[in-house]
Amino acid sequence: MRIGLITGTGFYTLPNLKETTRETVETPFGPVEVENGHLAGKDITFIARHGKKHTIAPSDINYRANIYAMHLKGAKIILATAVSGSLNIDWKPQTFIFLEQFLDFTYGRKYTFYPLENKLAHVDVTDPYCEETKKYIRKAADELGFDIRRGGVYSCFNGPRFENRAEINMVRMLGGNLVGQTGFPECVLARELAISYASVAIVSNYAAGMAGELTGTEVSENIAALGDQVAHLFERTIELIPEDFDSPAQHALDQAYL
């Protein structure tokens, strides 16, 4: 089984990845630089969303190419991180949260593969993050003594600027409790290719208007402190995922064509 990992701000390498090779995967949507290797007995393909030196803005990330590259490499599962601002006073910086739903406030992004090969699929994203995959992340977290909260409703903005007070108030009224800039359309694109996708939000700061000025320095410092925890969480999750893993997400296209 091959498992894909996609990480964002602050996570540009994957510790303990063995026998690594770098490769340019050519996709119909553009080339993608990936890193292949072995971790916890499984084949891994790794992508750093923003590039190794954090030079790709959220709205400029080629989400379709990234997910299609995972598809071409044979990834059946994608584990992802989502560095986020928190609207919940109890979710302080350095808190881990499972993403459950999203609100999309982006514009101009390519958010679907279809029509693809002269077909048009309408996939179900009632629950956009794979519950089966999250079971193994949760089990790994429990074994490692990590607390991962439930109920993340991720509101995605274009960035790279931070959101303002009015936008945060709007998100709160609509039921959002996290804000970020890269979570959409990644999860939807994975579902369109029948890849199980789960994302762990990592709180880097409180959202605008909740606790003083927002700075990139604050984000970097809070995320830097968690590198080892994220690496251990994903490594143990990968160890726990069985070779015969199956989930409804992997059958998303079975009845998606009209």
Protein backbone atom coordinates (compact mmCIF):
# COMPACT_ATOMS: atom_id res chain seq x y z
CA MET A 1 0.00 0.00 0.00
CA ARG A 2 1.17 3.53 -0.79
CA ILE A 3 0.19 6.38 1.52
CA GLY A 4 0.46 10.04 0.61
CA LEU A 5 1.39 12.80 3.02
CA ILE A 6 0.75 16.49 2.32
CA THR A 7 1.96 19.04 4.83
CA GLY A 8 1.86 22.80 4.99
CA THR A 9 3.40 25.66 6.91
CA GLY A 10 6.28 24.64 9.13
CA PHE A 11 6.47 21.03 7.96
CA TYR A 12 8.77 20.81 4.94
CA THR A 13 10.46 17.46 5.54
CA LEU A 14 9.34 14.07 6.77
CA PRO A 15 11.66 12.73 9.50
CA ASN A 16 12.48 9.00 9.47
CA LEU A 17 11.57 8.61 5.79
CA LYS A 18 13.99 5.95 4.52
CA GLU A 19 15.49 5.24 1.09
CA THR A 20 14.23 8.55 -0.20
CA THR A 21 14.21 9.57 -3.84
CA ARG A 22 12.98 12.76 -5.44
CA GLU A 23 10.89 12.63 -8.55
CA THR A 24 9.03 14.96 -10.90
CA VAL A 25 5.61 13.47 -11.60
CA GLU A 26 4.10 14.68 -14.87
CA THR A 27 0.33 15.13 -14.61
CA PRO A 28 -2.31 16.54 -17.00
CA PHE A 29 -2.36 19.60 -14.71
CA GLY A 30 1.37 20.24 -14.52
CA PRO A 31 4.52 18.70 -13.02
CA VAL A 32 4.83 18.00 -9.29
CA GLU A 33 7.99 17.52 -7.25
CA VAL A 34 7.48 14.64 -4.83
CA GLU A 35 9.64 12.70 -2.40
CA ASN A 36 9.25 8.93 -2.27
CA GLY A 37 10.47 6.61 0.45
CA HIS A 38 9.55 4.04 3.06
CA LEU A 39 8.11 4.67 6.51
CA ALA A 40 6.73 2.18 9.00
CA GLY A 41 6.92 -0.58 6.42
CA LYS A 42 4.86 1.21 3.76
CA ASP A 43 5.59 3.10 0.55
CA ILE A 44 5.23 6.85 1.02
CA THR A 45 4.88 9.80 -1.33
CA PHE A 46 5.37 13.19 0.32
CA ILE A 47 4.52 16.71 -0.88
CA ALA A 48 5.24 19.97 0.92
CA ARG A 49 2.37 22.21 -0.27
CA HIS A 50 4.25 25.49 -0.14
CA GLY A 51 7.51 24.04 -1.44
CA LYS A 52 10.57 23.22 0.63
CA LYS A 53 11.30 26.92 1.25
CA HIS A 54 7.71 28.14 1.68
CA THR A 55 7.65 30.09 -1.58
CA ILE A 56 4.26 29.05 -3.03
CA ALA A 57 1.30 31.21 -1.92
CA PRO A 58 -1.90 29.37 -0.90
CA SER A 59 -3.83 30.55 -3.97
CA ASP A 60 -0.94 29.56 -6.27
CA ILE A 61 -0.63 25.96 -5.09
CA ASN A 62 -1.45 23.57 -7.93
CA TYR A 63 -3.90 21.48 -5.91
CA ARG A 64 -5.09 19.46 -8.88
CA ALA A 65 -1.58 18.51 -9.91
CA ASN A 66 -0.64 17.55 -6.34
CA ILE A 67 -3.62 15.24 -5.86
CA TYR A 68 -3.36 13.78 -9.35
CA ALA A 69 0.32 13.05 -8.73
CA MET A 70 -0.71 11.10 -5.63
CA HIS A 71 -3.23 9.22 -7.78
CA LEU A 72 -0.58 8.38 -10.38
CA LYS A 73 1.77 7.14 -7.65
CA GLY A 74 -0.98 4.80 -6.45
CA ALA A 75 -1.76 6.45 -3.10
CA LYS A 76 -5.00 5.13 -1.62
CA ILE A 77 -4.84 7.28 1.52
CA ILE A 78 -3.66 10.86 2.09
CA LEU A 79 -2.77 12.18 5.54
CA ALA A 80 -2.57 15.97 5.72
CA THR A 81 -1.92 18.85 8.08
CA ALA A 82 -3.85 22.12 8.15
CA VAL A 83 -2.18 24.94 10.07
CA SER A 84 -5.10 27.02 11.33
CA GLY A 85 -6.24 30.01 13.29
CA SER A 86 -8.68 29.19 16.10
CA LEU A 87 -12.03 30.86 16.82
CA ASN A 88 -12.55 28.66 19.87
CA ILE A 89 -10.98 30.11 23.01
CA ASP A 90 -10.50 26.55 24.32
CA TRP A 91 -8.47 25.59 21.24
CA LYS A 92 -5.31 27.47 22.05
CA PRO A 93 -2.14 27.49 19.90
CA GLN A 94 -0.52 24.04 19.54
CA THR A 95 -3.88 22.23 19.83
CA PHE A 96 -4.60 19.37 17.38
CA ILE A 97 -8.13 19.10 15.90
CA PHE A 98 -9.73 16.70 13.43
CA LEU A 99 -11.26 18.49 10.46
CA GLU A 100 -14.88 17.41 9.99
CA GLN A 101 -16.37 20.03 7.64
CA PHE A 102 -15.26 23.01 5.56
CA LEU A 103 -16.59 26.40 4.45
CA ASP A 104 -15.13 27.70 1.19
CA PHE A 105 -14.39 31.43 0.82
CA THR A 106 -11.74 31.06 -1.88
CA TYR A 107 -11.95 32.36 -5.44
CA GLY A 108 -10.13 31.58 -8.66
CA ARG A 109 -8.95 28.13 -7.61
CA LYS A 110 -9.27 25.07 -9.82
CA TYR A 111 -11.44 22.91 -7.58
CA THR A 112 -12.51 19.97 -9.74
CA PHE A 113 -10.95 17.43 -12.10
CA TYR A 114 -14.13 17.01 -14.08
CA PRO A 115 -14.93 16.52 -16.85
CA LEU A 116 -12.17 13.90 -16.90
CA GLU A 117 -11.79 11.36 -19.70
CA ASN A 118 -15.10 12.60 -21.13
CA LYS A 119 -16.94 11.83 -17.90
CA LEU A 120 -18.55 14.10 -15.32
CA ALA A 121 -18.74 12.83 -11.75
CA HIS A 122 -20.80 14.32 -8.91
CA VAL A 123 -19.17 13.08 -5.73
CA ASP A 124 -20.76 13.05 -2.28
CA VAL A 125 -18.89 15.27 0.18
CA THR A 126 -21.49 15.24 2.95
CA ASP A 127 -18.59 14.20 5.17
CA PRO A 128 -15.49 15.36 3.27
CA TYR A 129 -12.86 13.80 5.57
CA CYS A 130 -12.52 10.03 5.74
CA GLU A 131 -13.81 8.64 9.04
CA GLU A 132 -12.07 5.29 8.53
CA THR A 133 -8.70 7.00 8.19
CA LYS A 134 -9.37 9.14 11.25
CA LYS A 135 -9.93 5.99 13.32
CA TYR A 136 -6.27 5.07 12.88
CA ILE A 137 -5.05 8.60 13.56
CA ARG A 138 -7.13 8.62 16.74
CA LYS A 139 -5.76 5.26 17.84
CA ALA A 140 -2.19 6.44 17.20
CA ALA A 141 -2.86 9.64 19.17
CA ASP A 142 -4.26 7.67 22.09
CA GLU A 143 -1.21 5.39 22.17
CA LEU A 144 1.14 8.39 22.07
CA GLY A 145 -0.82 10.37 24.65
CA PHE A 146 -1.75 13.14 22.20
CA ASP A 147 -5.07 14.93 22.57
CA ILE A 148 -6.87 15.51 19.27
CA ARG A 149 -10.12 17.44 19.55
CA ARG A 150 -13.18 16.75 17.40
CA GLY A 151 -15.48 19.11 15.51
CA GLY A 152 -13.20 21.19 13.32
CA VAL A 153 -15.13 23.32 10.80
CA TYR A 154 -12.41 24.78 8.61
CA SER A 155 -13.08 28.04 6.78
CA CYS A 156 -10.73 28.48 3.83
CA PHE A 157 -9.67 31.92 2.59
CA ASN A 158 -7.37 32.75 -0.30
CA GLY A 159 -4.54 34.37 1.66
CA PRO A 160 -1.71 34.97 2.00
CA ARG A 161 -2.94 37.86 4.18
CA PHE A 162 -4.58 37.01 7.47
CA GLU A 163 -8.33 37.49 7.82
CA ASN A 164 -9.85 40.65 9.33
CA ARG A 165 -12.30 41.06 12.21
CA ALA A 166 -15.39 41.21 10.00
CA GLU A 167 -14.43 38.01 8.18
CA ILE A 168 -13.86 36.21 11.45
CA ASN A 169 -17.23 37.42 12.75
CA MET A 170 -18.85 36.11 9.55
CA VAL A 171 -17.17 32.72 9.96
CA ARG A 172 -18.36 32.51 13.55
CA MET A 173 -21.97 33.27 12.55
CA LEU A 174 -21.81 30.53 9.89
CA GLY A 175 -20.56 27.91 12.33
CA GLY A 176 -16.85 27.89 11.50
CA ASN A 177 -14.31 27.48 14.28
CA LEU A 178 -11.01 27.36 12.36
CA VAL A 179 -9.58 29.47 9.56
CA GLY A 180 -6.85 28.63 7.08
CA GLN A 181 -5.80 29.08 3.48
CA THR A 182 -4.96 25.66 2.00
CA GLY A 183 -7.56 23.11 3.13
CA PHE A 184 -9.80 23.61 0.09
CA PRO A 185 -10.00 22.19 -2.57
CA GLU A 186 -7.55 19.47 -1.51
CA CYS A 187 -10.08 17.27 0.31
CA VAL A 188 -12.64 17.49 -2.52
CA LEU A 189 -10.09 16.66 -5.20
CA ALA A 190 -9.02 13.58 -3.24
CA ARG A 191 -12.66 12.45 -3.03
CA GLU A 192 -13.05 12.94 -6.79
CA LEU A 193 -10.26 10.40 -7.31
CA ALA A 194 -11.59 8.03 -4.64
CA ILE A 195 -8.65 8.61 -2.29
CA SER A 196 -9.29 8.47 1.45
CA TYR A 197 -8.26 11.86 2.87
CA ALA A 198 -7.98 12.99 6.47
CA SER A 199 -6.51 16.21 7.83
CA VAL A 200 -5.37 17.22 11.29
CA ALA A 201 -5.64 20.94 12.00
CA ILE A 202 -2.81 22.39 14.06
CA VAL A 203 -3.65 25.67 15.78
CA SER A 204 -0.91 28.23 15.18
CA ASN A 205 -2.70 31.30 16.59
CA TYR A 206 -6.04 32.70 17.63
CA ALA A 207 -8.04 34.27 14.81
CA ALA A 208 -8.17 38.02 14.16
CA GLY A 209 -9.60 40.10 16.96
CA MET A 210 -9.23 37.43 19.62
CA ALA A 211 -5.72 38.01 20.97
CA GLY A 212 -3.76 40.97 19.70
CA GLU A 213 -1.79 41.34 16.48
CA LEU A 214 -1.34 38.40 14.12
CA THR A 215 2.24 37.78 13.01
CA GLY A 216 4.05 35.24 10.88
CA THR A 217 6.58 34.94 13.69
CA GLU A 218 3.91 33.70 16.11
CA VAL A 219 2.74 31.11 13.57
CA SER A 220 6.28 29.85 12.92
CA GLU A 221 7.18 29.59 16.61
CA ASN A 222 4.03 27.68 17.56
CA ILE A 223 4.37 25.24 14.66
CA ALA A 224 8.11 24.68 15.13
CA ALA A 225 7.45 23.31 18.61
CA LEU A 226 5.27 20.52 17.20
CA GLY A 227 7.41 18.99 14.45
CA ASP A 228 8.36 15.87 16.39
CA GLN A 229 4.80 15.26 17.60
CA VAL A 230 3.38 15.46 14.08
CA ALA A 231 6.09 13.13 12.77
CA HIS A 232 5.43 10.57 15.51
CA LEU A 233 1.67 10.80 15.04
CA PHE A 234 1.84 10.13 11.31
CA GLU A 235 4.45 7.41 11.64
CA ARG A 236 2.40 5.49 14.19
CA THR A 237 -0.77 6.02 12.12
CA ILE A 238 0.96 4.56 9.07
CA GLU A 239 2.07 1.55 11.13
CA LEU A 240 -1.51 0.93 12.26
CA ILE A 241 -3.21 1.17 8.85
CA PRO A 242 -3.75 -2.39 7.58
CA GLU A 243 -2.82 -3.53 4.09
CA ASP A 244 -6.47 -4.40 3.39
CA PHE A 245 -7.69 -0.92 4.40
CA ASP A 246 -10.98 0.06 2.78
CA SER A 247 -13.34 2.99 3.23
CA PRO A 248 -16.45 4.53 1.62
CA ALA A 249 -14.24 7.30 0.24
CA GLN A 250 -12.46 4.74 -1.93
CA HIS A 251 -15.81 3.92 -3.54
CA ALA A 252 -16.84 7.56 -4.11
CA LEU A 253 -17.08 7.09 -7.88
CA ASP A 254 -19.14 3.90 -7.85
CA GLN A 255 -22.42 5.79 -8.20
CA ALA A 256 -21.20 9.30 -9.01
CA TYR A 257 -21.97 9.34 -12.73
CA LEU A 258 -25.40 10.52 -13.91
